[in-house]
Amino acid sequence: MYLDARYLLQADDDSLIYLQTKGFRYGPPEIQAKVAKGEVVDPSQYYFRFYMTFETGSKKYDWLNRAIGIGYAMRLGNAVVYDAYLIK
């Protein structure tokens, strides 16, 4: 699976931040089938990695326009749980 997800975040001060994540999720077909059905699967059984870019017009968060993040994720039923890190 190729991941291309886009989010519009609203900060506590009402600043808007556009977040785009791109990445991949792959693994053995039987594991991918379980994940696709929404079954909880040990995340060590498949690969789910992504990178993040940001856009904002906010002066406070302008530094995000030059930032890149990376992370990994796992599916838990109908939810996706991300662990993300900013690269400095």
N, C-alpha and C. Protein backbone atom coordinates (compact mmCIF):
# COMPACT_ATOMS: atom_id res chain seq x y z
N MET A 1 0.84 -1.16 0.00
CA MET A 1 0.00 0.00 0.00
C MET A 1 0.89 1.23 0.00
N TYR A 2 0.58 2.18 -0.87
CA TYR A 2 1.27 3.46 -0.89
C TYR A 2 0.42 4.44 -0.11
N LEU A 3 1.02 5.13 0.84
CA LEU A 3 0.33 6.07 1.71
C LEU A 3 0.55 7.49 1.21
N ASP A 4 -0.54 8.23 1.05
CA ASP A 4 -0.48 9.66 0.74
C ASP A 4 -1.66 10.29 1.45
N ALA A 5 -1.44 10.73 2.68
CA ALA A 5 -2.52 11.29 3.51
C ALA A 5 -2.26 12.77 3.75
N ARG A 6 -3.33 13.55 3.77
CA ARG A 6 -3.21 14.99 3.95
C ARG A 6 -4.17 15.42 5.06
N TYR A 7 -3.66 16.28 5.94
CA TYR A 7 -4.43 16.73 7.09
C TYR A 7 -4.33 18.25 7.21
N LEU A 8 -5.36 18.86 7.71
CA LEU A 8 -5.31 20.27 8.06
C LEU A 8 -5.44 20.33 9.58
N LEU A 9 -4.38 20.80 10.23
CA LEU A 9 -4.34 20.87 11.69
C LEU A 9 -4.64 22.29 12.13
N GLN A 10 -5.30 22.41 13.26
CA GLN A 10 -5.54 23.72 13.86
C GLN A 10 -4.85 23.73 15.22
N ALA A 11 -3.87 24.63 15.38
CA ALA A 11 -3.12 24.75 16.63
C ALA A 11 -3.97 25.44 17.69
N ASP A 12 -3.51 25.39 18.93
CA ASP A 12 -4.23 26.01 20.04
C ASP A 12 -4.48 27.50 19.83
N ASP A 13 -3.59 28.15 19.08
CA ASP A 13 -3.76 29.59 18.82
C ASP A 13 -4.53 29.85 17.52
N ASP A 14 -5.19 28.83 17.00
CA ASP A 14 -5.99 28.86 15.76
C ASP A 14 -5.15 28.93 14.49
N SER A 15 -3.84 28.82 14.57
CA SER A 15 -3.01 28.74 13.37
C SER A 15 -3.34 27.45 12.62
N LEU A 16 -3.31 27.52 11.29
CA LEU A 16 -3.57 26.34 10.48
C LEU A 16 -2.26 25.79 9.94
N ILE A 17 -2.12 24.47 9.98
CA ILE A 17 -0.92 23.79 9.52
C ILE A 17 -1.37 22.63 8.63
N TYR A 18 -0.88 22.63 7.40
CA TYR A 18 -1.16 21.55 6.46
C TYR A 18 -0.06 20.50 6.63
N LEU A 19 -0.46 19.26 6.81
CA LEU A 19 0.47 18.15 7.02
C LEU A 19 0.22 17.11 5.93
N GLN A 20 1.29 16.70 5.27
CA GLN A 20 1.17 15.62 4.29
C GLN A 20 2.11 14.50 4.70
N THR A 21 1.58 13.28 4.70
CA THR A 21 2.39 12.10 4.99
C THR A 21 2.42 11.21 3.76
N LYS A 22 3.60 10.69 3.46
CA LYS A 22 3.76 9.74 2.34
C LYS A 22 4.61 8.59 2.84
N GLY A 23 4.27 7.40 2.41
CA GLY A 23 5.05 6.25 2.82
C GLY A 23 4.51 4.95 2.26
N PHE A 24 4.86 3.84 2.94
CA PHE A 24 4.50 2.51 2.47
C PHE A 24 4.07 1.62 3.63
N ARG A 25 3.18 0.70 3.31
CA ARG A 25 2.87 -0.40 4.22
C ARG A 25 2.90 -1.67 3.39
N TYR A 26 3.74 -2.61 3.81
CA TYR A 26 3.79 -3.87 3.08
C TYR A 26 4.21 -4.99 4.02
N GLY A 27 4.00 -6.20 3.57
CA GLY A 27 4.35 -7.39 4.34
C GLY A 27 3.81 -8.62 3.65
N PRO A 28 3.90 -9.77 4.29
CA PRO A 28 3.38 -11.00 3.71
C PRO A 28 1.88 -10.86 3.40
N PRO A 29 1.42 -11.43 2.30
CA PRO A 29 0.01 -11.29 1.90
C PRO A 29 -0.99 -11.68 2.99
N GLU A 30 -0.70 -12.73 3.75
CA GLU A 30 -1.65 -13.16 4.79
C GLU A 30 -1.72 -12.13 5.93
N ILE A 31 -0.60 -11.48 6.22
CA ILE A 31 -0.58 -10.43 7.25
C ILE A 31 -1.31 -9.20 6.74
N GLN A 32 -1.03 -8.80 5.51
CA GLN A 32 -1.70 -7.63 4.92
C GLN A 32 -3.22 -7.84 4.87
N ALA A 33 -3.65 -9.06 4.59
CA ALA A 33 -5.09 -9.36 4.56
C ALA A 33 -5.71 -9.15 5.95
N LYS A 34 -5.02 -9.58 6.99
CA LYS A 34 -5.52 -9.38 8.36
C LYS A 34 -5.60 -7.89 8.70
N VAL A 35 -4.55 -7.14 8.35
CA VAL A 35 -4.53 -5.71 8.61
C VAL A 35 -5.68 -5.03 7.86
N ALA A 36 -5.88 -5.41 6.59
CA ALA A 36 -6.95 -4.81 5.78
C ALA A 36 -8.33 -5.10 6.36
N LYS A 37 -8.50 -6.23 7.02
CA LYS A 37 -9.78 -6.58 7.65
C LYS A 37 -10.00 -5.84 8.97
N GLY A 38 -8.97 -5.13 9.43
CA GLY A 38 -9.09 -4.42 10.69
C GLY A 38 -8.67 -5.23 11.90
N GLU A 39 -8.09 -6.41 11.66
CA GLU A 39 -7.62 -7.23 12.78
C GLU A 39 -6.37 -6.58 13.39
N VAL A 40 -6.19 -6.74 14.68
CA VAL A 40 -4.99 -6.23 15.35
C VAL A 40 -3.86 -7.21 15.07
N VAL A 41 -2.79 -6.70 14.46
CA VAL A 41 -1.64 -7.52 14.08
C VAL A 41 -0.40 -6.89 14.70
N ASP A 42 0.48 -7.71 15.23
CA ASP A 42 1.74 -7.24 15.79
C ASP A 42 2.47 -6.42 14.72
N PRO A 43 2.79 -5.15 15.01
CA PRO A 43 3.42 -4.31 13.99
C PRO A 43 4.78 -4.79 13.52
N SER A 44 5.41 -5.69 14.24
CA SER A 44 6.69 -6.24 13.77
C SER A 44 6.49 -7.20 12.60
N GLN A 45 5.23 -7.55 12.30
CA GLN A 45 4.92 -8.49 11.22
C GLN A 45 4.80 -7.81 9.86
N TYR A 46 4.80 -6.47 9.83
CA TYR A 46 4.71 -5.75 8.56
C TYR A 46 5.45 -4.42 8.67
N TYR A 47 5.73 -3.82 7.53
CA TYR A 47 6.48 -2.57 7.43
C TYR A 47 5.49 -1.44 7.18
N PHE A 48 5.53 -0.38 8.00
CA PHE A 48 4.63 0.76 7.85
C PHE A 48 5.43 2.00 8.23
N ARG A 49 6.04 2.65 7.23
CA ARG A 49 6.90 3.81 7.46
C ARG A 49 6.45 4.97 6.59
N PHE A 50 6.75 6.19 7.04
CA PHE A 50 6.31 7.37 6.29
C PHE A 50 7.22 8.55 6.58
N TYR A 51 7.08 9.59 5.75
CA TYR A 51 7.72 10.87 6.03
C TYR A 51 6.66 11.95 5.97
N MET A 52 6.94 13.09 6.59
CA MET A 52 5.96 14.17 6.70
C MET A 52 6.57 15.48 6.25
N THR A 53 5.75 16.29 5.58
CA THR A 53 6.10 17.66 5.26
C THR A 53 4.97 18.56 5.72
N PHE A 54 5.29 19.83 5.93
CA PHE A 54 4.34 20.76 6.50
C PHE A 54 4.28 22.05 5.68
N GLU A 55 3.14 22.73 5.75
CA GLU A 55 3.00 24.07 5.17
C GLU A 55 2.13 24.88 6.11
N THR A 56 2.54 26.12 6.33
CA THR A 56 1.73 27.02 7.14
C THR A 56 2.06 28.47 6.79
N GLY A 57 1.09 29.33 6.95
CA GLY A 57 1.29 30.77 6.79
C GLY A 57 1.55 31.45 8.11
N SER A 58 1.52 30.69 9.19
CA SER A 58 1.71 31.23 10.54
C SER A 58 3.17 31.64 10.76
N LYS A 59 3.37 32.84 11.26
CA LYS A 59 4.73 33.27 11.60
C LYS A 59 5.28 32.45 12.76
N LYS A 60 4.42 32.12 13.70
CA LYS A 60 4.84 31.35 14.87
C LYS A 60 5.38 29.97 14.47
N TYR A 61 4.73 29.33 13.49
CA TYR A 61 5.10 27.98 13.08
C TYR A 61 5.82 27.94 11.74
N ASP A 62 6.35 29.08 11.29
CA ASP A 62 7.03 29.16 10.00
C ASP A 62 8.15 28.13 9.87
N TRP A 63 8.80 27.80 10.97
CA TRP A 63 9.90 26.82 10.95
C TRP A 63 9.45 25.47 10.40
N LEU A 64 8.14 25.17 10.52
CA LEU A 64 7.64 23.89 9.99
C LEU A 64 7.72 23.83 8.47
N ASN A 65 7.71 24.98 7.81
CA ASN A 65 7.82 25.00 6.35
C ASN A 65 9.16 24.45 5.87
N ARG A 66 10.13 24.37 6.75
CA ARG A 66 11.46 23.86 6.42
C ARG A 66 11.78 22.57 7.18
N ALA A 67 10.76 21.94 7.71
CA ALA A 67 10.95 20.74 8.54
C ALA A 67 10.50 19.48 7.80
N ILE A 68 11.12 18.38 8.16
CA ILE A 68 10.74 17.06 7.66
C ILE A 68 10.63 16.13 8.87
N GLY A 69 9.61 15.31 8.86
CA GLY A 69 9.44 14.32 9.91
C GLY A 69 9.44 12.92 9.31
N ILE A 70 9.75 11.96 10.14
CA ILE A 70 9.68 10.55 9.75
C ILE A 70 8.92 9.81 10.84
N GLY A 71 8.45 8.63 10.51
CA GLY A 71 7.76 7.87 11.53
C GLY A 71 7.40 6.47 11.09
N TYR A 72 6.77 5.78 11.99
CA TYR A 72 6.23 4.46 11.71
C TYR A 72 4.83 4.40 12.31
N ALA A 73 4.08 3.44 11.84
CA ALA A 73 2.69 3.37 12.26
C ALA A 73 2.24 1.92 12.36
N MET A 74 1.06 1.75 12.94
CA MET A 74 0.43 0.43 13.01
C MET A 74 -1.07 0.62 12.98
N ARG A 75 -1.76 -0.36 12.43
CA ARG A 75 -3.21 -0.34 12.41
C ARG A 75 -3.72 -1.04 13.66
N LEU A 76 -4.71 -0.43 14.29
CA LEU A 76 -5.41 -1.03 15.42
C LEU A 76 -6.89 -1.00 15.09
N GLY A 77 -7.38 -2.07 14.50
CA GLY A 77 -8.77 -2.08 14.06
C GLY A 77 -8.97 -1.03 12.98
N ASN A 78 -9.88 -0.11 13.21
CA ASN A 78 -10.15 0.95 12.23
C ASN A 78 -9.33 2.21 12.47
N ALA A 79 -8.39 2.17 13.38
CA ALA A 79 -7.56 3.34 13.69
C ALA A 79 -6.11 3.08 13.26
N VAL A 80 -5.40 4.17 13.01
CA VAL A 80 -3.97 4.10 12.73
C VAL A 80 -3.25 4.87 13.83
N VAL A 81 -2.24 4.25 14.42
CA VAL A 81 -1.45 4.89 15.49
C VAL A 81 -0.08 5.22 14.92
N TYR A 82 0.30 6.50 15.02
CA TYR A 82 1.57 6.97 14.49
C TYR A 82 2.55 7.29 15.61
N ASP A 83 3.82 6.97 15.39
CA ASP A 83 4.92 7.49 16.18
C ASP A 83 5.73 8.33 15.20
N ALA A 84 5.83 9.62 15.42
CA ALA A 84 6.48 10.51 14.47
C ALA A 84 7.57 11.32 15.15
N TYR A 85 8.61 11.64 14.37
CA TYR A 85 9.77 12.34 14.88
C TYR A 85 10.19 13.42 13.91
N LEU A 86 10.55 14.58 14.44
CA LEU A 86 11.03 15.68 13.64
C LEU A 86 12.52 15.51 13.43
N ILE A 87 12.98 15.65 12.19
CA ILE A 87 14.40 15.55 11.87
C ILE A 87 15.01 16.94 12.01
N LYS A 88 16.04 17.05 12.83
CA LYS A 88 16.70 18.35 13.02
C LYS A 88 18.09 18.32 12.46
